[in-house]
N, C-alpha and C. Protein backbone atom coordinates (compact mmCIF):
# COMPACT_ATOMS: atom_id res chain seq x y z
N MET A 1 0.85 -1.19 0.00
CA MET A 1 0.00 0.00 0.00
C MET A 1 0.88 1.24 0.00
N SER A 2 0.62 2.20 -0.87
CA SER A 2 1.45 3.40 -0.95
C SER A 2 1.27 4.24 0.30
N SER A 3 2.26 5.14 0.56
CA SER A 3 2.18 5.99 1.75
C SER A 3 0.96 6.89 1.71
N GLN A 4 0.60 7.41 0.51
CA GLN A 4 -0.56 8.29 0.40
C GLN A 4 -1.84 7.51 0.71
N ARG A 5 -1.92 6.29 0.16
CA ARG A 5 -3.11 5.49 0.39
C ARG A 5 -3.21 5.12 1.87
N TRP A 6 -2.05 4.76 2.47
CA TRP A 6 -2.04 4.40 3.88
C TRP A 6 -2.44 5.58 4.74
N SER A 7 -1.96 6.78 4.41
CA SER A 7 -2.30 7.97 5.19
C SER A 7 -3.79 8.23 5.15
N ALA A 8 -4.38 8.11 3.96
CA ALA A 8 -5.82 8.34 3.84
C ALA A 8 -6.59 7.31 4.65
N GLY A 9 -6.16 6.06 4.56
CA GLY A 9 -6.84 5.02 5.30
C GLY A 9 -6.68 5.18 6.79
N SER A 10 -5.47 5.56 7.22
CA SER A 10 -5.22 5.75 8.64
C SER A 10 -6.06 6.87 9.21
N ALA A 11 -6.22 7.95 8.43
CA ALA A 11 -7.03 9.08 8.89
C ALA A 11 -8.46 8.63 9.11
N CYS A 12 -8.95 7.81 8.21
CA CYS A 12 -10.32 7.31 8.35
C CYS A 12 -10.39 6.30 9.50
N ALA A 13 -9.37 5.43 9.57
CA ALA A 13 -9.38 4.40 10.60
C ALA A 13 -9.31 4.99 12.00
N SER A 14 -8.70 6.18 12.13
CA SER A 14 -8.57 6.80 13.45
C SER A 14 -9.89 7.33 13.97
N ASN A 15 -10.88 7.43 13.11
CA ASN A 15 -12.20 7.92 13.49
C ASN A 15 -13.19 6.77 13.37
N PRO A 16 -13.64 6.20 14.50
CA PRO A 16 -14.52 5.03 14.46
C PRO A 16 -15.81 5.26 13.67
N THR A 17 -16.23 6.51 13.53
CA THR A 17 -17.48 6.78 12.81
C THR A 17 -17.26 6.98 11.31
N CYS A 18 -15.99 7.02 10.88
CA CYS A 18 -15.70 7.28 9.46
C CYS A 18 -16.05 6.08 8.61
N ARG A 19 -16.72 6.33 7.50
CA ARG A 19 -17.08 5.26 6.58
C ARG A 19 -16.88 5.72 5.15
N CYS A 20 -16.09 4.98 4.39
CA CYS A 20 -16.00 5.22 2.94
C CYS A 20 -17.24 4.60 2.30
N ALA A 21 -17.70 5.19 1.22
CA ALA A 21 -18.78 4.57 0.47
C ALA A 21 -18.24 3.38 -0.32
N LYS A 22 -17.06 3.56 -0.92
CA LYS A 22 -16.37 2.47 -1.62
C LYS A 22 -14.93 2.92 -1.87
N SER A 23 -14.09 1.98 -2.27
CA SER A 23 -12.69 2.30 -2.57
C SER A 23 -12.23 1.47 -3.75
N SER A 24 -11.33 2.04 -4.55
CA SER A 24 -10.79 1.32 -5.71
C SER A 24 -9.30 1.63 -5.83
N PHE A 25 -8.54 0.65 -6.32
CA PHE A 25 -7.09 0.79 -6.41
C PHE A 25 -6.59 0.32 -7.77
N ALA A 26 -5.49 0.94 -8.20
CA ALA A 26 -4.95 0.64 -9.53
C ALA A 26 -4.18 -0.67 -9.56
N ASN A 27 -3.63 -1.10 -8.42
CA ASN A 27 -2.84 -2.32 -8.47
C ASN A 27 -3.72 -3.54 -8.72
N PRO A 28 -3.10 -4.63 -9.21
CA PRO A 28 -3.87 -5.82 -9.56
C PRO A 28 -4.61 -6.39 -8.36
N SER A 29 -5.55 -7.26 -8.66
CA SER A 29 -6.38 -7.86 -7.61
C SER A 29 -5.52 -8.57 -6.57
N ARG A 30 -5.90 -8.42 -5.32
CA ARG A 30 -5.23 -9.11 -4.23
C ARG A 30 -6.26 -9.37 -3.13
N ARG A 31 -5.83 -9.92 -2.01
CA ARG A 31 -6.78 -10.21 -0.94
C ARG A 31 -7.48 -8.94 -0.48
N GLN A 32 -8.79 -8.96 -0.45
CA GLN A 32 -9.56 -7.76 -0.13
C GLN A 32 -9.74 -7.56 1.37
N GLY A 33 -9.62 -8.63 2.14
CA GLY A 33 -9.93 -8.56 3.56
C GLY A 33 -9.28 -7.41 4.31
N PRO A 34 -7.93 -7.30 4.30
CA PRO A 34 -7.28 -6.21 5.06
C PRO A 34 -7.71 -4.83 4.58
N TYR A 35 -7.90 -4.68 3.27
CA TYR A 35 -8.31 -3.38 2.72
C TYR A 35 -9.73 -3.05 3.16
N ALA A 36 -10.62 -4.03 3.07
CA ALA A 36 -12.01 -3.80 3.46
C ALA A 36 -12.10 -3.46 4.95
N ASP A 37 -11.26 -4.12 5.75
CA ASP A 37 -11.26 -3.83 7.19
C ASP A 37 -10.76 -2.41 7.46
N LEU A 38 -9.72 -1.99 6.74
CA LEU A 38 -9.13 -0.68 6.97
C LEU A 38 -10.07 0.44 6.53
N PHE A 39 -10.62 0.29 5.31
CA PHE A 39 -11.43 1.37 4.76
C PHE A 39 -12.92 1.24 5.09
N ARG A 40 -13.30 0.10 5.69
CA ARG A 40 -14.70 -0.14 6.05
C ARG A 40 -15.62 0.09 4.85
N ALA A 41 -15.24 -0.47 3.72
CA ALA A 41 -15.99 -0.22 2.48
C ALA A 41 -15.70 -1.33 1.48
N PRO A 42 -16.60 -1.50 0.51
CA PRO A 42 -16.32 -2.44 -0.59
C PRO A 42 -15.04 -2.01 -1.31
N VAL A 43 -14.22 -2.98 -1.70
CA VAL A 43 -12.93 -2.70 -2.33
C VAL A 43 -12.87 -3.36 -3.70
N SER A 44 -12.31 -2.64 -4.68
CA SER A 44 -12.08 -3.22 -6.00
C SER A 44 -10.66 -2.87 -6.45
N PHE A 45 -10.10 -3.71 -7.33
CA PHE A 45 -8.74 -3.50 -7.82
C PHE A 45 -8.73 -3.44 -9.34
N GLY A 46 -7.58 -2.99 -9.90
CA GLY A 46 -7.45 -2.90 -11.35
C GLY A 46 -8.11 -1.66 -11.92
N ALA A 47 -8.38 -0.64 -11.08
CA ALA A 47 -8.99 0.60 -11.57
C ALA A 47 -7.94 1.47 -12.26
N ASP A 48 -8.37 2.57 -12.88
CA ASP A 48 -7.42 3.43 -13.57
C ASP A 48 -6.66 4.35 -12.61
N ALA A 49 -7.12 4.43 -11.34
CA ALA A 49 -6.45 5.26 -10.34
C ALA A 49 -6.90 4.83 -8.96
N ASP A 50 -6.13 5.21 -7.93
CA ASP A 50 -6.52 4.94 -6.55
C ASP A 50 -7.55 5.97 -6.12
N ARG A 51 -8.68 5.52 -5.58
CA ARG A 51 -9.73 6.46 -5.17
C ARG A 51 -10.45 5.96 -3.92
N LEU A 52 -10.79 6.91 -3.05
CA LEU A 52 -11.69 6.65 -1.93
C LEU A 52 -12.93 7.50 -2.15
N PHE A 53 -14.10 6.92 -1.99
CA PHE A 53 -15.36 7.63 -2.22
C PHE A 53 -16.08 7.81 -0.88
N PHE A 54 -16.53 9.05 -0.62
CA PHE A 54 -17.24 9.36 0.61
C PHE A 54 -18.58 10.01 0.29
N SER A 55 -19.54 9.82 1.17
CA SER A 55 -20.81 10.54 1.03
C SER A 55 -20.56 12.01 1.35
N ALA A 56 -21.47 12.88 0.90
CA ALA A 56 -21.33 14.31 1.19
C ALA A 56 -21.31 14.56 2.69
N GLU A 57 -22.15 13.83 3.42
CA GLU A 57 -22.21 14.00 4.88
C GLU A 57 -20.88 13.63 5.52
N GLU A 58 -20.30 12.50 5.10
CA GLU A 58 -19.02 12.06 5.66
C GLU A 58 -17.90 13.03 5.29
N TRP A 59 -17.93 13.51 4.05
CA TRP A 59 -16.88 14.41 3.56
C TRP A 59 -16.79 15.68 4.39
N HIS A 60 -17.94 16.20 4.83
CA HIS A 60 -17.97 17.47 5.55
C HIS A 60 -17.91 17.30 7.07
N SER A 61 -17.82 16.07 7.56
CA SER A 61 -17.76 15.86 9.00
C SER A 61 -16.34 16.11 9.50
N PRO A 62 -16.16 16.53 10.78
CA PRO A 62 -14.82 16.80 11.32
C PRO A 62 -13.96 15.54 11.30
N THR A 63 -12.66 15.71 11.10
CA THR A 63 -11.72 14.60 11.09
C THR A 63 -11.03 14.49 12.45
N ALA A 64 -11.03 13.29 13.03
CA ALA A 64 -10.37 13.10 14.32
C ALA A 64 -8.88 13.33 14.16
N GLY A 65 -8.29 14.14 15.06
CA GLY A 65 -6.86 14.41 15.01
C GLY A 65 -6.44 15.21 13.79
N ALA A 66 -7.32 16.04 13.27
CA ALA A 66 -7.02 16.81 12.05
C ALA A 66 -5.82 17.73 12.26
N ASP A 67 -5.00 17.87 11.22
CA ASP A 67 -3.82 18.75 11.24
C ASP A 67 -4.20 20.03 10.51
N ALA A 68 -4.46 21.10 11.27
CA ALA A 68 -4.92 22.35 10.67
C ALA A 68 -3.88 22.95 9.73
N ALA A 69 -2.59 22.83 10.11
CA ALA A 69 -1.52 23.40 9.27
C ALA A 69 -1.44 22.68 7.93
N LEU A 70 -1.53 21.34 7.97
CA LEU A 70 -1.49 20.57 6.73
C LEU A 70 -2.71 20.86 5.88
N ALA A 71 -3.87 21.01 6.52
CA ALA A 71 -5.08 21.32 5.77
C ALA A 71 -4.93 22.64 5.02
N GLN A 72 -4.31 23.63 5.66
CA GLN A 72 -4.12 24.93 5.02
C GLN A 72 -3.21 24.80 3.80
N VAL A 73 -2.15 24.01 3.94
CA VAL A 73 -1.22 23.81 2.82
C VAL A 73 -1.94 23.13 1.65
N LEU A 74 -2.72 22.09 1.94
CA LEU A 74 -3.40 21.35 0.87
C LEU A 74 -4.50 22.19 0.22
N GLU A 75 -5.16 23.02 1.01
CA GLU A 75 -6.18 23.90 0.43
C GLU A 75 -5.53 24.91 -0.52
N GLU A 76 -4.36 25.41 -0.14
CA GLU A 76 -3.64 26.34 -1.02
C GLU A 76 -3.19 25.62 -2.29
N HIS A 77 -2.79 24.38 -2.14
CA HIS A 77 -2.40 23.56 -3.30
C HIS A 77 -3.58 23.46 -4.27
N ALA A 78 -4.77 23.20 -3.74
CA ALA A 78 -5.96 23.09 -4.59
C ALA A 78 -6.29 24.42 -5.26
N ARG A 79 -6.15 25.53 -4.52
CA ARG A 79 -6.45 26.84 -5.10
C ARG A 79 -5.49 27.17 -6.24
N ILE A 80 -4.21 26.88 -6.04
CA ILE A 80 -3.23 27.18 -7.09
C ILE A 80 -3.48 26.32 -8.32
N LEU A 81 -3.78 25.05 -8.10
CA LEU A 81 -4.08 24.18 -9.24
C LEU A 81 -5.30 24.68 -10.01
N SER A 82 -6.33 25.13 -9.29
CA SER A 82 -7.54 25.60 -9.96
C SER A 82 -7.26 26.86 -10.77
N ARG A 83 -6.35 27.71 -10.28
CA ARG A 83 -6.01 28.93 -11.03
C ARG A 83 -5.18 28.61 -12.27
N GLN A 84 -4.44 27.52 -12.21
CA GLN A 84 -3.52 27.22 -13.30
C GLN A 84 -4.04 26.12 -14.22
N LEU A 85 -5.29 25.73 -14.05
CA LEU A 85 -5.84 24.69 -14.91
C LEU A 85 -5.72 25.09 -16.38
N LEU A 86 -5.25 24.16 -17.17
CA LEU A 86 -5.12 24.42 -18.60
C LEU A 86 -6.48 24.27 -19.26
N PRO A 87 -6.69 24.88 -20.42
CA PRO A 87 -7.93 24.65 -21.14
C PRO A 87 -8.02 23.19 -21.57
N ALA A 88 -9.17 22.78 -22.04
CA ALA A 88 -9.34 21.40 -22.47
C ALA A 88 -8.22 21.02 -23.43
N PRO A 89 -7.57 19.87 -23.20
CA PRO A 89 -6.42 19.51 -24.01
C PRO A 89 -6.75 19.46 -25.49
N SER A 90 -5.93 20.09 -26.29
CA SER A 90 -6.10 20.03 -27.74
C SER A 90 -4.94 19.29 -28.36
N SER A 91 -4.01 18.81 -27.53
CA SER A 91 -2.86 18.07 -28.03
C SER A 91 -2.43 17.05 -26.99
N PHE A 92 -1.64 16.09 -27.43
CA PHE A 92 -1.16 15.08 -26.49
C PHE A 92 -0.30 15.72 -25.41
N GLY A 93 0.53 16.70 -25.78
CA GLY A 93 1.37 17.37 -24.80
C GLY A 93 0.56 18.03 -23.71
N ALA A 94 -0.58 18.63 -24.08
CA ALA A 94 -1.44 19.27 -23.08
C ALA A 94 -2.06 18.24 -22.15
N GLU A 95 -2.41 17.07 -22.70
CA GLU A 95 -2.97 16.00 -21.87
C GLU A 95 -1.94 15.55 -20.83
N VAL A 96 -0.70 15.43 -21.27
CA VAL A 96 0.36 15.01 -20.35
C VAL A 96 0.57 16.06 -19.27
N GLN A 97 0.57 17.34 -19.65
CA GLN A 97 0.73 18.41 -18.66
C GLN A 97 -0.38 18.37 -17.63
N GLN A 98 -1.60 18.16 -18.07
CA GLN A 98 -2.72 18.10 -17.13
C GLN A 98 -2.58 16.92 -16.19
N ALA A 99 -2.15 15.77 -16.72
CA ALA A 99 -2.00 14.58 -15.89
C ALA A 99 -0.92 14.78 -14.84
N ILE A 100 0.17 15.45 -15.21
CA ILE A 100 1.24 15.73 -14.25
C ILE A 100 0.74 16.67 -13.16
N ALA A 101 0.06 17.74 -13.55
CA ALA A 101 -0.43 18.72 -12.58
C ALA A 101 -1.50 18.14 -11.67
N ALA A 102 -2.25 17.16 -12.18
CA ALA A 102 -3.36 16.59 -11.40
C ALA A 102 -2.92 15.47 -10.48
N ALA A 103 -1.65 15.07 -10.55
CA ALA A 103 -1.17 14.00 -9.66
C ALA A 103 -1.35 14.44 -8.21
N PRO A 104 -1.64 13.47 -7.28
CA PRO A 104 -1.87 13.83 -5.88
C PRO A 104 -0.78 14.73 -5.32
N VAL A 105 0.46 14.41 -5.63
CA VAL A 105 1.56 15.33 -5.37
C VAL A 105 2.15 15.62 -6.73
N ALA A 106 2.12 16.89 -7.12
CA ALA A 106 2.48 17.24 -8.49
C ALA A 106 3.82 16.66 -8.88
N GLY A 107 3.94 16.30 -10.16
CA GLY A 107 5.19 15.72 -10.63
C GLY A 107 5.15 14.22 -10.61
N GLY A 108 3.99 13.63 -10.93
CA GLY A 108 3.86 12.19 -10.97
C GLY A 108 4.89 11.56 -11.89
N SER A 109 5.22 10.32 -11.63
CA SER A 109 6.19 9.61 -12.46
C SER A 109 5.61 9.32 -13.83
N ALA A 110 6.48 8.91 -14.76
CA ALA A 110 6.02 8.55 -16.10
C ALA A 110 5.01 7.41 -16.02
N ALA A 111 5.25 6.46 -15.11
CA ALA A 111 4.33 5.34 -14.97
C ALA A 111 2.96 5.81 -14.50
N GLN A 112 2.92 6.74 -13.54
CA GLN A 112 1.64 7.25 -13.04
C GLN A 112 0.89 8.02 -14.12
N VAL A 113 1.61 8.83 -14.88
CA VAL A 113 0.98 9.62 -15.94
C VAL A 113 0.48 8.71 -17.04
N ALA A 114 1.27 7.71 -17.41
CA ALA A 114 0.85 6.77 -18.45
C ALA A 114 -0.42 6.05 -18.02
N ARG A 115 -0.48 5.65 -16.75
CA ARG A 115 -1.67 4.97 -16.26
C ARG A 115 -2.89 5.88 -16.32
N ALA A 116 -2.70 7.16 -15.96
CA ALA A 116 -3.82 8.12 -16.00
C ALA A 116 -4.32 8.32 -17.42
N LEU A 117 -3.43 8.19 -18.40
CA LEU A 117 -3.81 8.39 -19.80
C LEU A 117 -4.17 7.07 -20.49
N HIS A 118 -4.14 5.97 -19.72
CA HIS A 118 -4.51 4.64 -20.24
C HIS A 118 -3.61 4.20 -21.39
N ILE A 119 -2.32 4.46 -21.26
CA ILE A 119 -1.35 4.01 -22.26
C ILE A 119 -0.14 3.46 -21.53
N SER A 120 0.76 2.81 -22.27
CA SER A 120 1.98 2.29 -21.66
C SER A 120 3.01 3.40 -21.54
N VAL A 121 4.00 3.18 -20.68
CA VAL A 121 5.08 4.16 -20.54
C VAL A 121 5.83 4.31 -21.86
N ARG A 122 6.03 3.20 -22.57
CA ARG A 122 6.72 3.25 -23.86
C ARG A 122 5.96 4.14 -24.85
N THR A 123 4.62 3.98 -24.88
CA THR A 123 3.81 4.80 -25.79
C THR A 123 3.86 6.27 -25.37
N LEU A 124 3.80 6.53 -24.08
CA LEU A 124 3.91 7.90 -23.58
C LEU A 124 5.20 8.55 -24.05
N GLN A 125 6.30 7.85 -23.86
CA GLN A 125 7.60 8.41 -24.23
C GLN A 125 7.71 8.60 -25.74
N ARG A 126 7.20 7.62 -26.50
CA ARG A 126 7.28 7.72 -27.96
C ARG A 126 6.47 8.89 -28.48
N LYS A 127 5.25 9.06 -27.96
CA LYS A 127 4.39 10.14 -28.45
C LYS A 127 4.95 11.51 -28.04
N LEU A 128 5.60 11.58 -26.89
CA LEU A 128 6.22 12.86 -26.51
C LEU A 128 7.40 13.18 -27.41
N VAL A 129 8.20 12.17 -27.74
CA VAL A 129 9.33 12.39 -28.65
C VAL A 129 8.82 12.91 -29.99
N GLU A 130 7.66 12.42 -30.42
CA GLU A 130 7.09 12.89 -31.68
C GLU A 130 6.72 14.37 -31.62
N THR A 131 6.47 14.88 -30.42
CA THR A 131 6.16 16.31 -30.27
C THR A 131 7.43 17.13 -30.04
N GLY A 132 8.57 16.44 -29.97
CA GLY A 132 9.83 17.15 -29.78
C GLY A 132 10.19 17.39 -28.33
N ALA A 133 9.62 16.60 -27.42
CA ALA A 133 9.89 16.77 -25.99
C ALA A 133 10.11 15.43 -25.33
N THR A 134 10.70 15.47 -24.15
CA THR A 134 10.83 14.27 -23.32
C THR A 134 9.93 14.43 -22.10
N PHE A 135 9.66 13.31 -21.41
CA PHE A 135 8.80 13.39 -20.23
C PHE A 135 9.42 14.31 -19.18
N ARG A 136 10.72 14.21 -18.99
CA ARG A 136 11.36 15.05 -17.97
C ARG A 136 11.20 16.53 -18.32
N GLU A 137 11.34 16.88 -19.58
CA GLU A 137 11.19 18.28 -19.97
C GLU A 137 9.78 18.80 -19.68
N VAL A 138 8.77 17.98 -20.01
CA VAL A 138 7.39 18.39 -19.77
C VAL A 138 7.13 18.48 -18.27
N SER A 139 7.60 17.48 -17.52
CA SER A 139 7.41 17.47 -16.07
C SER A 139 8.08 18.67 -15.43
N ASP A 140 9.30 18.97 -15.86
CA ASP A 140 10.00 20.14 -15.30
C ASP A 140 9.25 21.43 -15.59
N ARG A 141 8.70 21.55 -16.80
CA ARG A 141 7.98 22.77 -17.16
C ARG A 141 6.74 22.94 -16.28
N VAL A 142 5.99 21.86 -16.08
CA VAL A 142 4.78 21.93 -15.26
C VAL A 142 5.14 22.24 -13.81
N ARG A 143 6.12 21.52 -13.28
CA ARG A 143 6.48 21.73 -11.89
C ARG A 143 7.09 23.12 -11.68
N GLY A 144 7.81 23.61 -12.67
CA GLY A 144 8.35 24.96 -12.57
C GLY A 144 7.25 26.00 -12.49
N GLN A 145 6.20 25.83 -13.31
CA GLN A 145 5.07 26.77 -13.28
C GLN A 145 4.35 26.70 -11.94
N LEU A 146 4.14 25.47 -11.44
CA LEU A 146 3.47 25.32 -10.15
C LEU A 146 4.33 25.91 -9.03
N ALA A 147 5.63 25.68 -9.10
CA ALA A 147 6.53 26.21 -8.07
C ALA A 147 6.44 27.73 -8.00
N GLU A 148 6.44 28.38 -9.15
CA GLU A 148 6.35 29.84 -9.17
C GLU A 148 5.02 30.30 -8.59
N GLY A 149 3.95 29.54 -8.87
CA GLY A 149 2.65 29.89 -8.31
C GLY A 149 2.66 29.81 -6.79
N TYR A 150 3.24 28.73 -6.25
CA TYR A 150 3.32 28.58 -4.79
C TYR A 150 4.19 29.67 -4.16
N LEU A 151 5.31 29.97 -4.81
CA LEU A 151 6.27 30.91 -4.22
C LEU A 151 5.75 32.34 -4.19
N THR A 152 4.73 32.65 -4.98
CA THR A 152 4.15 33.99 -4.92
C THR A 152 3.29 34.17 -3.67
N ASP A 153 2.97 33.06 -3.00
CA ASP A 153 2.17 33.13 -1.77
C ASP A 153 3.09 33.05 -0.56
N PRO A 154 3.27 34.14 0.20
CA PRO A 154 4.19 34.13 1.33
C PRO A 154 3.75 33.21 2.46
N GLN A 155 2.51 32.72 2.43
CA GLN A 155 2.04 31.83 3.47
C GLN A 155 2.50 30.39 3.26
N VAL A 156 3.04 30.09 2.09
CA VAL A 156 3.51 28.73 1.80
C VAL A 156 5.03 28.73 1.89
N SER A 157 5.58 27.97 2.82
CA SER A 157 7.04 27.94 3.00
C SER A 157 7.69 27.16 1.85
N ILE A 158 8.98 27.37 1.68
CA ILE A 158 9.71 26.67 0.62
C ILE A 158 9.73 25.17 0.89
N VAL A 159 9.79 24.77 2.16
CA VAL A 159 9.73 23.35 2.50
C VAL A 159 8.40 22.76 2.02
N GLU A 160 7.31 23.50 2.24
CA GLU A 160 5.99 23.02 1.81
C GLU A 160 5.90 22.95 0.29
N VAL A 161 6.49 23.92 -0.40
CA VAL A 161 6.50 23.89 -1.87
C VAL A 161 7.21 22.62 -2.35
N ALA A 162 8.34 22.31 -1.75
CA ALA A 162 9.08 21.10 -2.12
C ALA A 162 8.22 19.86 -1.93
N PHE A 163 7.50 19.79 -0.81
CA PHE A 163 6.62 18.66 -0.54
C PHE A 163 5.51 18.55 -1.57
N LEU A 164 4.87 19.67 -1.88
CA LEU A 164 3.75 19.67 -2.81
C LEU A 164 4.16 19.27 -4.22
N LEU A 165 5.43 19.49 -4.56
CA LEU A 165 5.91 19.15 -5.89
C LEU A 165 6.57 17.77 -5.94
N GLY A 166 6.50 17.04 -4.84
CA GLY A 166 6.97 15.66 -4.84
C GLY A 166 8.45 15.47 -4.58
N PHE A 167 9.15 16.49 -4.08
CA PHE A 167 10.57 16.35 -3.78
C PHE A 167 10.75 15.75 -2.39
N SER A 168 11.80 14.94 -2.24
CA SER A 168 12.03 14.28 -0.95
C SER A 168 12.52 15.24 0.11
N ASP A 169 13.16 16.34 -0.30
CA ASP A 169 13.63 17.33 0.67
C ASP A 169 13.81 18.67 -0.04
N GLN A 170 14.04 19.71 0.77
CA GLN A 170 14.16 21.05 0.20
C GLN A 170 15.40 21.20 -0.66
N SER A 171 16.49 20.53 -0.29
CA SER A 171 17.72 20.65 -1.07
C SER A 171 17.53 20.19 -2.50
N SER A 172 16.80 19.08 -2.68
CA SER A 172 16.53 18.57 -4.03
C SER A 172 15.71 19.58 -4.82
N PHE A 173 14.71 20.17 -4.15
CA PHE A 173 13.89 21.19 -4.81
C PHE A 173 14.73 22.41 -5.18
N ASN A 174 15.59 22.84 -4.26
CA ASN A 174 16.44 24.00 -4.54
C ASN A 174 17.26 23.79 -5.81
N ARG A 175 17.86 22.59 -5.93
CA ARG A 175 18.69 22.30 -7.10
C ARG A 175 17.86 22.31 -8.37
N ALA A 176 16.66 21.70 -8.31
CA ALA A 176 15.80 21.65 -9.50
C ALA A 176 15.34 23.06 -9.88
N PHE A 177 14.94 23.86 -8.90
CA PHE A 177 14.45 25.20 -9.20
C PHE A 177 15.56 26.06 -9.79
N ARG A 178 16.78 25.89 -9.30
CA ARG A 178 17.90 26.64 -9.85
C ARG A 178 18.16 26.22 -11.30
N ARG A 179 17.97 24.93 -11.58
CA ARG A 179 18.13 24.45 -12.96
C ARG A 179 17.06 25.04 -13.87
N TRP A 180 15.83 25.19 -13.35
CA TRP A 180 14.73 25.72 -14.15
C TRP A 180 14.86 27.21 -14.40
N THR A 181 15.28 27.95 -13.37
CA THR A 181 15.20 29.41 -13.44
C THR A 181 16.54 30.13 -13.36
N GLY A 182 17.58 29.42 -12.93
CA GLY A 182 18.87 30.06 -12.78
C GLY A 182 19.08 30.73 -11.44
N GLU A 183 18.12 30.61 -10.52
CA GLU A 183 18.27 31.20 -9.19
C GLU A 183 17.57 30.34 -8.16
N SER A 184 17.87 30.57 -6.89
CA SER A 184 17.27 29.77 -5.83
C SER A 184 15.82 30.19 -5.59
N PRO A 185 15.01 29.29 -5.00
CA PRO A 185 13.62 29.67 -4.68
C PRO A 185 13.55 30.90 -3.78
N GLY A 186 14.45 30.97 -2.79
CA GLY A 186 14.43 32.12 -1.88
C GLY A 186 14.71 33.43 -2.59
N ARG A 187 15.71 33.42 -3.49
CA ARG A 187 16.03 34.63 -4.23
C ARG A 187 14.89 35.00 -5.18
N TRP A 188 14.30 34.00 -5.83
CA TRP A 188 13.17 34.25 -6.76
C TRP A 188 12.03 34.92 -6.00
N ARG A 189 11.70 34.36 -4.81
CA ARG A 189 10.60 34.90 -4.00
C ARG A 189 10.94 36.31 -3.52
N GLN A 190 12.18 36.51 -3.10
CA GLN A 190 12.60 37.81 -2.58
C GLN A 190 12.46 38.89 -3.65
N ARG A 191 12.86 38.57 -4.87
CA ARG A 191 12.79 39.56 -5.95
C ARG A 191 11.36 39.97 -6.25
N ARG A 192 10.41 39.12 -5.91
CA ARG A 192 9.00 39.43 -6.17
C ARG A 192 8.28 39.92 -4.93
N GLY A 193 9.05 40.27 -3.91
CA GLY A 193 8.45 40.87 -2.72
C GLY A 193 7.85 39.90 -1.76
N GLY A 194 8.13 38.59 -1.94
CA GLY A 194 7.58 37.60 -1.02
C GLY A 194 8.42 37.52 0.24
N ILE A 195 8.03 36.63 1.13
CA ILE A 195 8.73 36.46 2.40
C ILE A 195 9.35 35.07 2.42
N GLN A 196 10.60 34.99 2.80
CA GLN A 196 11.27 33.70 2.87
C GLN A 196 10.84 32.98 4.13
N LEU A 197 10.19 31.80 3.96
CA LEU A 197 9.69 31.08 5.11
C LEU A 197 10.30 29.69 5.22
N ALA A 198 11.51 29.52 4.71
CA ALA A 198 12.16 28.22 4.79
C ALA A 198 12.35 27.84 6.25
N ALA A 199 12.32 26.52 6.51
CA ALA A 199 12.50 26.05 7.88
C ALA A 199 13.89 26.40 8.38
N PRO A 200 14.05 26.63 9.69
CA PRO A 200 15.36 26.98 10.24
C PRO A 200 16.39 25.92 9.89
N GLY A 201 17.57 26.37 9.53
CA GLY A 201 18.66 25.45 9.24
C GLY A 201 18.70 24.98 7.81
N LEU A 202 17.70 25.34 6.99
CA LEU A 202 17.68 24.92 5.60
C LEU A 202 18.00 26.10 4.72
N GLY A 203 18.79 25.85 3.69
CA GLY A 203 19.14 26.92 2.78
C GLY A 203 18.02 27.25 1.85
N SER A 204 18.15 28.34 1.07
CA SER A 204 17.13 28.75 0.12
C SER A 204 17.62 28.57 -1.30
């Protein structure tokens, strides 16, 4: 079970009253018992994506042990994505960009994007080459745009930006952002009048 899937299940499991309406997972069929026990819902496998379904009443009910700070970060993530939504895809490249941006943590792998588009990784790579781009180039472009969107908001720290874009730590994000723009995230934000909110002890 992936860390994201486990986190979602654990959040629900921590609240005895929480009930999923149903759940579906992209991995092949396996024993349903542990999953059904965890999510308290019918489980299916082999879907096009991992999903948990909740009733409107359950969705709006308070979460036991909720993390207000994390909720604020994720809400900002959703707002930025909604502002940067691309128009309906008119090309394969646009479809790939949308799939990357729509990943639970932006910057999904080639395998995740291929699965979202219902094609193989080989087909994804071949069709991108036909457009004159590689998957890494498209992913970097999308993540660079999202990063700039996050960095314009002084309430989102650079550590949080790194997390939202799928980087394992801030140092990795710093190196990638410098490759994309030629400057560090902190300097980019400073030049635009933002506030540097990197965690203590971490560089910008």
